[in-house]
Amino acid sequence: MMVCENLHMATNLAIDDRLLEEARRVGGHRTKRATVNEALKEYVQRRKQAEILDLFGTIDFDPTYDHKERRRR
């Protein structure tokens, strides 16, 4: 069973027109929709990257672990 990945939701948002126009121009997008979709993708990507960065220093590292030895088994 395949679920459509292109879910659309009609939404009314109060967005700063000047900011949206600047983002559209800087991003080279033709439409407000393309601009907002790209901005949301970048937002999600940055948040996910930040979550990964937060993990640094929290995972124990074993300097004696030999990944090549584990592959041979």
PDB file of N, CA and C in Angstrom:
ATOM      1  N   MET A   1       0.841  -1.182   0.000  1.00  0.00           N
ATOM      2  CA  MET A   1       0.000   0.000   0.000  1.00  0.00           C
ATOM      3  C   MET A   1       0.881   1.239   0.000  1.00  0.00           C
ATOM      4  N   MET A   2       0.661   2.123  -0.963  1.00  0.00           N
ATOM      5  CA  MET A   2       1.460   3.335  -1.054  1.00  0.00           C
ATOM      6  C   MET A   2       0.628   4.531  -0.612  1.00  0.00           C
ATOM      7  N   VAL A   3       1.210   5.336   0.241  1.00  0.00           N
ATOM      8  CA  VAL A   3       0.548   6.544   0.724  1.00  0.00           C
ATOM      9  C   VAL A   3       1.147   7.725  -0.016  1.00  0.00           C
ATOM     10  N   CYS A   4       0.317   8.607  -0.441  1.00  0.00           N
ATOM     11  CA  CYS A   4       0.773   9.789  -1.169  1.00  0.00           C
ATOM     12  C   CYS A   4       1.672  10.636  -0.265  1.00  0.00           C
ATOM     13  N   GLU A   5       2.883  10.913  -0.737  1.00  0.00           N
ATOM     14  CA  GLU A   5       3.809  11.733   0.038  1.00  0.00           C
ATOM     15  C   GLU A   5       3.545  13.219  -0.168  1.00  0.00           C
ATOM     16  N   ASN A   6       2.742  13.550  -1.124  1.00  0.00           N
ATOM     17  CA  ASN A   6       2.464  14.945  -1.441  1.00  0.00           C
ATOM     18  C   ASN A   6       1.158  15.384  -0.789  1.00  0.00           C
ATOM     19  N   LEU A   7       1.167  15.527   0.509  1.00  0.00           N
ATOM     20  CA  LEU A   7      -0.034  15.951   1.214  1.00  0.00           C
ATOM     21  C   LEU A   7      -0.137  17.468   1.139  1.00  0.00           C
ATOM     22  N   HIS A   8      -1.297  17.938   0.829  1.00  0.00           N
ATOM     23  CA  HIS A   8      -1.505  19.383   0.718  1.00  0.00           C
ATOM     24  C   HIS A   8      -2.518  19.811   1.769  1.00  0.00           C
ATOM     25  N   MET A   9      -2.225  20.925   2.407  1.00  0.00           N
ATOM     26  CA  MET A   9      -3.109  21.435   3.431  1.00  0.00           C
ATOM     27  C   MET A   9      -3.311  22.925   3.166  1.00  0.00           C
ATOM     28  N   ALA A  10      -4.526  23.318   2.911  1.00  0.00           N
ATOM     29  CA  ALA A  10      -4.814  24.730   2.718  1.00  0.00           C
ATOM     30  C   ALA A  10      -4.618  25.441   4.046  1.00  0.00           C
ATOM     31  N   THR A  11      -3.781  26.468   4.032  1.00  0.00           N
ATOM     32  CA  THR A  11      -3.443  27.168   5.263  1.00  0.00           C
ATOM     33  C   THR A  11      -3.415  28.658   5.019  1.00  0.00           C
ATOM     34  N   ASN A  12      -3.987  29.383   5.916  1.00  0.00           N
ATOM     35  CA  ASN A  12      -3.909  30.838   5.878  1.00  0.00           C
ATOM     36  C   ASN A  12      -2.930  31.285   6.946  1.00  0.00           C
ATOM     37  N   LEU A  13      -1.875  31.966   6.514  1.00  0.00           N
ATOM     38  CA  LEU A  13      -0.858  32.427   7.436  1.00  0.00           C
ATOM     39  C   LEU A  13      -0.634  33.920   7.262  1.00  0.00           C
ATOM     40  N   ALA A  14      -0.361  34.587   8.356  1.00  0.00           N
ATOM     41  CA  ALA A  14       0.003  35.994   8.294  1.00  0.00           C
ATOM     42  C   ALA A  14       1.526  36.058   8.227  1.00  0.00           C
ATOM     43  N   ILE A  15       2.051  36.185   7.011  1.00  0.00           N
ATOM     44  CA  ILE A  15       3.495  36.205   6.790  1.00  0.00           C
ATOM     45  C   ILE A  15       3.909  37.601   6.377  1.00  0.00           C
ATOM     46  N   ASP A  16       5.029  38.042   6.920  1.00  0.00           N
ATOM     47  CA  ASP A  16       5.580  39.360   6.588  1.00  0.00           C
ATOM     48  C   ASP A  16       5.835  39.403   5.078  1.00  0.00           C
ATOM     49  N   ASP A  17       5.089  40.224   4.356  1.00  0.00           N
ATOM     50  CA  ASP A  17       5.181  40.295   2.894  1.00  0.00           C
ATOM     51  C   ASP A  17       6.571  40.696   2.414  1.00  0.00           C
ATOM     52  N   ARG A  18       7.193  41.645   3.107  1.00  0.00           N
ATOM     53  CA  ARG A  18       8.535  42.078   2.690  1.00  0.00           C
ATOM     54  C   ARG A  18       9.551  40.953   2.862  1.00  0.00           C
ATOM     55  N   LEU A  19       9.442  40.232   3.975  1.00  0.00           N
ATOM     56  CA  LEU A  19      10.353  39.125   4.229  1.00  0.00           C
ATOM     57  C   LEU A  19      10.148  38.003   3.209  1.00  0.00           C
ATOM     58  N   LEU A  20       8.901  37.696   2.926  1.00  0.00           N
ATOM     59  CA  LEU A  20       8.593  36.657   1.950  1.00  0.00           C
ATOM     60  C   LEU A  20       9.100  37.042   0.560  1.00  0.00           C
ATOM     61  N   GLU A  21       8.921  38.285   0.181  1.00  0.00           N
ATOM     62  CA  GLU A  21       9.389  38.746  -1.125  1.00  0.00           C
ATOM     63  C   GLU A  21      10.907  38.708  -1.198  1.00  0.00           C
ATOM     64  N   GLU A  22      11.575  39.096  -0.131  1.00  0.00           N
ATOM     65  CA  GLU A  22      13.037  39.044  -0.119  1.00  0.00           C
ATOM     66  C   GLU A  22      13.518  37.592  -0.225  1.00  0.00           C
ATOM     67  N   ALA A  23      12.881  36.695   0.508  1.00  0.00           N
ATOM     68  CA  ALA A  23      13.241  35.279   0.454  1.00  0.00           C
ATOM     69  C   ALA A  23      12.997  34.723  -0.945  1.00  0.00           C
ATOM     70  N   ARG A  24      11.894  35.124  -1.569  1.00  0.00           N
ATOM     71  CA  ARG A  24      11.591  34.662  -2.918  1.00  0.00           C
ATOM     72  C   ARG A  24      12.666  35.130  -3.900  1.00  0.00           C
ATOM     73  N   ARG A  25      13.032  36.395  -3.781  1.00  0.00           N
ATOM     74  CA  ARG A  25      14.030  36.974  -4.676  1.00  0.00           C
ATOM     75  C   ARG A  25      15.405  36.343  -4.452  1.00  0.00           C
ATOM     76  N   VAL A  26      15.833  36.256  -3.198  1.00  0.00           N
ATOM     77  CA  VAL A  26      17.145  35.705  -2.869  1.00  0.00           C
ATOM     78  C   VAL A  26      17.228  34.224  -3.259  1.00  0.00           C
ATOM     79  N   GLY A  27      16.149  33.497  -3.047  1.00  0.00           N
ATOM     80  CA  GLY A  27      16.133  32.077  -3.373  1.00  0.00           C
ATOM     81  C   GLY A  27      15.919  31.792  -4.840  1.00  0.00           C
ATOM     82  N   GLY A  28      15.540  32.815  -5.594  1.00  0.00           N
ATOM     83  CA  GLY A  28      15.320  32.631  -7.028  1.00  0.00           C
ATOM     84  C   GLY A  28      14.053  31.853  -7.342  1.00  0.00           C
ATOM     85  N   HIS A  29      13.088  31.907  -6.441  1.00  0.00           N
ATOM     86  CA  HIS A  29      11.835  31.181  -6.653  1.00  0.00           C
ATOM     87  C   HIS A  29      10.849  32.039  -7.427  1.00  0.00           C
ATOM     88  N   ARG A  30       9.986  31.357  -8.148  1.00  0.00           N
ATOM     89  CA  ARG A  30       8.998  32.076  -8.959  1.00  0.00           C
ATOM     90  C   ARG A  30       7.722  32.357  -8.192  1.00  0.00           C
ATOM     91  N   THR A  31       7.437  31.542  -7.190  1.00  0.00           N
ATOM     92  CA  THR A  31       6.176  31.696  -6.467  1.00  0.00           C
ATOM     93  C   THR A  31       6.405  31.752  -4.962  1.00  0.00           C
ATOM     94  N   LYS A  32       5.407  32.283  -4.264  1.00  0.00           N
ATOM     95  CA  LYS A  32       5.450  32.319  -2.804  1.00  0.00           C
ATOM     96  C   LYS A  32       5.425  30.893  -2.258  1.00  0.00           C
ATOM     97  N   ARG A  33       4.626  30.035  -2.885  1.00  0.00           N
ATOM     98  CA  ARG A  33       4.511  28.651  -2.442  1.00  0.00           C
ATOM     99  C   ARG A  33       5.868  27.948  -2.499  1.00  0.00           C
ATOM    100  N   ALA A  34       6.575  28.106  -3.615  1.00  0.00           N
ATOM    101  CA  ALA A  34       7.893  27.479  -3.756  1.00  0.00           C
ATOM    102  C   ALA A  34       8.857  28.026  -2.708  1.00  0.00           C
ATOM    103  N   THR A  35       8.757  29.303  -2.437  1.00  0.00           N
ATOM    104  CA  THR A  35       9.618  29.937  -1.442  1.00  0.00           C
ATOM    105  C   THR A  35       9.360  29.366  -0.060  1.00  0.00           C
ATOM    106  N   VAL A  36       8.102  29.288   0.333  1.00  0.00           N
ATOM    107  CA  VAL A  36       7.747  28.779   1.657  1.00  0.00           C
ATOM    108  C   VAL A  36       8.105  27.306   1.779  1.00  0.00           C
ATOM    109  N   ASN A  37       7.842  26.510   0.755  1.00  0.00           N
ATOM    110  CA  ASN A  37       8.184  25.090   0.804  1.00  0.00           C
ATOM    111  C   ASN A  37       9.687  24.885   0.960  1.00  0.00           C
ATOM    112  N   GLU A  38      10.474  25.636   0.221  1.00  0.00           N
ATOM    113  CA  GLU A  38      11.931  25.532   0.329  1.00  0.00           C
ATOM    114  C   GLU A  38      12.401  25.971   1.715  1.00  0.00           C
ATOM    115  N   ALA A  39      11.818  27.035   2.228  1.00  0.00           N
ATOM    116  CA  ALA A  39      12.196  27.510   3.564  1.00  0.00           C
ATOM    117  C   ALA A  39      11.873  26.465   4.627  1.00  0.00           C
ATOM    118  N   LEU A  40      10.741  25.818   4.499  1.00  0.00           N
ATOM    119  CA  LEU A  40      10.370  24.778   5.463  1.00  0.00           C
ATOM    120  C   LEU A  40      11.312  23.580   5.375  1.00  0.00           C
ATOM    121  N   LYS A  41      11.691  23.195   4.170  1.00  0.00           N
ATOM    122  CA  LYS A  41      12.642  22.083   3.999  1.00  0.00           C
ATOM    123  C   LYS A  41      13.973  22.421   4.676  1.00  0.00           C
ATOM    124  N   GLU A  42      14.454  23.648   4.446  1.00  0.00           N
ATOM    125  CA  GLU A  42      15.712  24.065   5.055  1.00  0.00           C
ATOM    126  C   GLU A  42      15.599  24.111   6.575  1.00  0.00           C
ATOM    127  N   TYR A  43      14.476  24.577   7.080  1.00  0.00           N
ATOM    128  CA  TYR A  43      14.238  24.646   8.525  1.00  0.00           C
ATOM    129  C   TYR A  43      14.313  23.254   9.152  1.00  0.00           C
ATOM    130  N   VAL A  44      13.628  22.301   8.540  1.00  0.00           N
ATOM    131  CA  VAL A  44      13.622  20.930   9.059  1.00  0.00           C
ATOM    132  C   VAL A  44      15.034  20.348   8.999  1.00  0.00           C
ATOM    133  N   GLN A  45      15.728  20.560   7.891  1.00  0.00           N
ATOM    134  CA  GLN A  45      17.078  20.035   7.738  1.00  0.00           C
ATOM    135  C   GLN A  45      18.010  20.615   8.807  1.00  0.00           C
ATOM    136  N   ARG A  46      17.936  21.896   9.049  1.00  0.00           N
ATOM    137  CA  ARG A  46      18.795  22.524  10.065  1.00  0.00           C
ATOM    138  C   ARG A  46      18.483  22.007  11.461  1.00  0.00           C
ATOM    139  N   ARG A  47      17.216  21.823  11.761  1.00  0.00           N
ATOM    140  CA  ARG A  47      16.842  21.300  13.080  1.00  0.00           C
ATOM    141  C   ARG A  47      17.352  19.879  13.272  1.00  0.00           C
ATOM    142  N   LYS A  48      17.270  19.070  12.233  1.00  0.00           N
ATOM    143  CA  LYS A  48      17.781  17.702  12.326  1.00  0.00           C
ATOM    144  C   LYS A  48      19.296  17.706  12.506  1.00  0.00           C
ATOM    145  N   GLN A  49      19.975  18.590  11.803  1.00  0.00           N
ATOM    146  CA  GLN A  49      21.417  18.698  11.955  1.00  0.00           C
ATOM    147  C   GLN A  49      21.778  19.143  13.369  1.00  0.00           C
ATOM    148  N   ALA A  50      21.008  20.066  13.918  1.00  0.00           N
ATOM    149  CA  ALA A  50      21.259  20.539  15.278  1.00  0.00           C
ATOM    150  C   ALA A  50      21.085  19.409  16.284  1.00  0.00           C
ATOM    151  N   GLU A  51      20.107  18.539  16.053  1.00  0.00           N
ATOM    152  CA  GLU A  51      19.904  17.390  16.942  1.00  0.00           C
ATOM    153  C   GLU A  51      21.124  16.472  16.911  1.00  0.00           C
ATOM    154  N   ILE A  52      21.685  16.277  15.720  1.00  0.00           N
ATOM    155  CA  ILE A  52      22.865  15.431  15.590  1.00  0.00           C
ATOM    156  C   ILE A  52      24.048  16.072  16.300  1.00  0.00           C
ATOM    157  N   LEU A  53      24.212  17.383  16.134  1.00  0.00           N
ATOM    158  CA  LEU A  53      25.318  18.071  16.792  1.00  0.00           C
ATOM    159  C   LEU A  53      25.207  17.984  18.304  1.00  0.00           C
ATOM    160  N   ASP A  54      23.989  17.974  18.805  1.00  0.00           N
ATOM    161  CA  ASP A  54      23.782  17.862  20.252  1.00  0.00           C
ATOM    162  C   ASP A  54      24.269  16.519  20.789  1.00  0.00           C
ATOM    163  N   LEU A  55      24.373  15.508  19.924  1.00  0.00           N
ATOM    164  CA  LEU A  55      24.829  14.187  20.353  1.00  0.00           C
ATOM    165  C   LEU A  55      26.341  14.122  20.568  1.00  0.00           C
ATOM    166  N   PHE A  56      27.092  15.038  19.945  1.00  0.00           N
ATOM    167  CA  PHE A  56      28.543  15.012  20.097  1.00  0.00           C
ATOM    168  C   PHE A  56      28.916  15.120  21.561  1.00  0.00           C
ATOM    169  N   GLY A  57      29.782  14.234  21.975  1.00  0.00           N
ATOM    170  CA  GLY A  57      30.228  14.217  23.355  1.00  0.00           C
ATOM    171  C   GLY A  57      29.337  13.408  24.273  1.00  0.00           C
ATOM    172  N   THR A  58      28.221  12.895  23.771  1.00  0.00           N
ATOM    173  CA  THR A  58      27.305  12.131  24.619  1.00  0.00           C
ATOM    174  C   THR A  58      27.395  10.632  24.358  1.00  0.00           C
ATOM    175  N   ILE A  59      28.089  10.260  23.295  1.00  0.00           N
ATOM    176  CA  ILE A  59      28.205   8.846  22.938  1.00  0.00           C
ATOM    177  C   ILE A  59      29.606   8.382  23.325  1.00  0.00           C
ATOM    178  N   ASP A  60      29.666   7.296  24.064  1.00  0.00           N
ATOM    179  CA  ASP A  60      30.961   6.761  24.483  1.00  0.00           C
ATOM    180  C   ASP A  60      31.706   6.185  23.290  1.00  0.00           C
ATOM    181  N   PHE A  61      32.992   6.459  23.236  1.00  0.00           N
ATOM    182  CA  PHE A  61      33.848   5.974  22.159  1.00  0.00           C
ATOM    183  C   PHE A  61      34.845   4.988  22.739  1.00  0.00           C
ATOM    184  N   ASP A  62      34.964   3.821  22.133  1.00  0.00           N
ATOM    185  CA  ASP A  62      35.904   2.800  22.580  1.00  0.00           C
ATOM    186  C   ASP A  62      37.082   2.780  21.610  1.00  0.00           C
ATOM    187  N   PRO A  63      38.218   3.314  22.007  1.00  0.00           N
ATOM    188  CA  PRO A  63      39.369   3.387  21.093  1.00  0.00           C
ATOM    189  C   PRO A  63      39.924   2.013  20.719  1.00  0.00           C
ATOM    190  N   THR A  64      39.559   0.977  21.459  1.00  0.00           N
ATOM    191  CA  THR A  64      40.062  -0.366  21.149  1.00  0.00           C
ATOM    192  C   THR A  64      39.151  -1.121  20.189  1.00  0.00           C
ATOM    193  N   TYR A  65      37.994  -0.568  19.869  1.00  0.00           N
ATOM    194  CA  TYR A  65      37.042  -1.242  18.972  1.00  0.00           C
ATOM    195  C   TYR A  65      37.638  -1.332  17.575  1.00  0.00           C
ATOM    196  N   ASP A  66      37.620  -2.520  16.987  1.00  0.00           N
ATOM    197  CA  ASP A  66      38.178  -2.757  15.661  1.00  0.00           C
ATOM    198  C   ASP A  66      37.047  -3.155  14.707  1.00  0.00           C
ATOM    199  N   HIS A  67      36.565  -2.196  13.959  1.00  0.00           N
ATOM    200  CA  HIS A  67      35.447  -2.483  13.049  1.00  0.00           C
ATOM    201  C   HIS A  67      35.831  -3.473  11.954  1.00  0.00           C
ATOM    202  N   LYS A  68      37.094  -3.477  11.548  1.00  0.00           N
ATOM    203  CA  LYS A  68      37.528  -4.422  10.510  1.00  0.00           C
ATOM    204  C   LYS A  68      37.488  -5.859  11.053  1.00  0.00           C
ATOM    205  N   GLU A  69      37.857  -6.018  12.293  1.00  0.00           N
ATOM    206  CA  GLU A  69      37.803  -7.343  12.916  1.00  0.00           C
ATOM    207  C   GLU A  69      36.355  -7.831  12.986  1.00  0.00           C
ATOM    208  N   ARG A  70      35.429  -6.936  13.295  1.00  0.00           N
ATOM    209  CA  ARG A  70      34.021  -7.305  13.378  1.00  0.00           C
ATOM    210  C   ARG A  70      33.469  -7.736  12.030  1.00  0.00           C
ATOM    211  N   ARG A  71      33.960  -7.149  10.957  1.00  0.00           N
ATOM    212  CA  ARG A  71      33.514  -7.516   9.605  1.00  0.00           C
ATOM    213  C   ARG A  71      33.961  -8.934   9.235  1.00  0.00           C
ATOM    214  N   ARG A  72      35.129  -9.329   9.697  1.00  0.00           N
ATOM    215  CA  ARG A  72      35.681 -10.644   9.355  1.00  0.00           C
ATOM    216  C   ARG A  72      34.894 -11.776   9.984  1.00  0.00           C
ATOM    217  N   ARG A  73      34.171 -11.517  11.036  1.00  0.00           N
ATOM    218  CA  ARG A  73      33.456 -12.573  11.743  1.00  0.00           C
ATOM    219  C   ARG A  73      32.236 -13.020  11.010  1.00  0.00           C
TER     220      ARG A  73
END
